[in-house]
Protein backbone atom coordinates (compact mmCIF):
# COMPACT_ATOMS: atom_id res chain seq x y z
CA MET A 1 93.45 108.36 115.16
CA THR A 2 90.58 106.44 113.83
CA ARG A 3 91.44 103.71 111.42
CA SER A 4 90.44 105.40 108.19
CA GLN A 5 93.09 108.01 109.56
CA LEU A 6 95.65 105.90 109.90
CA GLY A 7 94.56 104.05 106.44
CA ALA A 8 95.36 107.43 104.75
CA LEU A 9 98.40 107.89 106.38
CA LEU A 10 99.30 104.85 105.07
CA ALA A 11 98.76 105.59 101.83
CA VAL A 12 100.45 109.08 101.05
CA ILE A 13 103.98 107.11 103.53
CA ILE A 14 104.24 103.88 101.78
CA PRO A 15 104.99 104.72 98.19
CA ASP A 16 107.92 106.88 99.95
CA ILE A 17 109.07 103.29 102.36
CA LEU A 18 109.12 101.35 99.13
CA SER A 19 111.08 103.93 97.00
CA VAL A 20 113.62 104.14 100.12
CA ILE A 21 114.03 99.79 100.16
CA ILE A 22 113.78 99.96 96.74
CA LYS A 23 117.00 102.15 96.68
CA ARG A 24 118.43 100.22 99.22
CA THR A 25 118.35 97.06 97.98
CA GLY A 26 117.80 96.81 94.05
CA PHE A 27 114.45 94.86 94.79
CA SER A 28 112.02 95.01 92.14
CA GLN A 29 109.11 96.67 93.07
CA ASP A 30 106.70 93.74 92.73
CA GLU A 31 109.79 92.09 95.19
CA ALA A 32 109.77 95.49 97.59
CA ILE A 33 106.09 95.47 98.00
CA GLU A 34 105.86 91.52 98.83
CA LYS A 35 108.38 91.58 101.51
CA PHE A 36 107.26 94.45 103.06
CA TYR A 37 103.69 93.66 103.88
CA ASN A 38 104.90 90.66 104.92
CA SER A 39 106.99 91.71 107.97
CA LYS A 40 107.10 92.83 111.17
CA VAL A 41 107.50 96.40 110.10
CA TYR A 42 104.43 96.70 108.12
CA SER A 43 102.63 94.65 110.94
CA CYS A 44 103.48 97.06 113.79
CA LEU A 45 103.04 100.21 111.18
CA SER A 46 99.51 100.05 110.21
CA ASP A 47 98.80 99.11 114.00
CA GLU A 48 98.39 102.66 115.71
CA LYS A 49 99.33 101.77 119.01
CA THR A 50 103.31 101.01 118.22
CA GLY A 51 103.01 104.76 117.03
CA VAL A 52 105.50 103.80 114.10
CA TRP A 53 103.62 105.68 112.04
CA HIS A 54 104.81 109.19 113.08
CA TYR A 55 108.32 107.71 111.91
CA SER A 56 110.34 109.20 109.10
CA SER A 57 110.15 106.87 105.48
CA HIS A 58 113.86 106.41 106.21
CA LEU A 59 113.31 105.31 109.36
CA ILE A 60 111.10 103.03 108.59
CA ALA A 61 113.13 101.25 105.81
CA GLU A 62 116.08 101.01 108.07
CA LEU A 63 113.88 99.08 110.53
CA PHE A 64 112.77 97.28 107.37
CA GLU A 65 116.91 96.32 106.41
CA GLN A 66 117.08 95.89 110.36
CA GLU A 67 114.51 92.73 110.51
CA ARG A 68 115.70 91.08 107.26
CA SER A 69 119.25 90.98 108.23
CA SER A 70 119.11 89.98 111.81
CA GLY A 71 115.43 88.55 112.27
CA GLY A 72 114.53 91.41 114.68
CA ILE A 73 113.54 94.70 115.58
CA ILE A 74 115.62 97.43 118.01
CA PHE A 75 112.98 100.42 117.72
CA PRO A 76 114.23 104.14 118.98
CA GLN A 77 113.25 105.12 122.34
CA GLU A 78 111.98 108.53 122.42
CA ALA A 79 113.10 111.39 123.52
CA SER A 80 112.58 112.48 126.89
């Protein structure tokens, strides 16, 4: 995947991720944007090598919540 393709994909999925975060946390849109873009989850999502971009919006939101509550992220194992 090229950087441009990843950017296009992120432009489509990030609004959905933010919507899930807002519904689950009650954050305002601005607060959700600021917290998500400053998270390690977002950093991993924007790095094509991590493969986080192929997770569902709900799973990415769960990982964000996990990071906020525990300070860490445990990524799911891929099925063999």
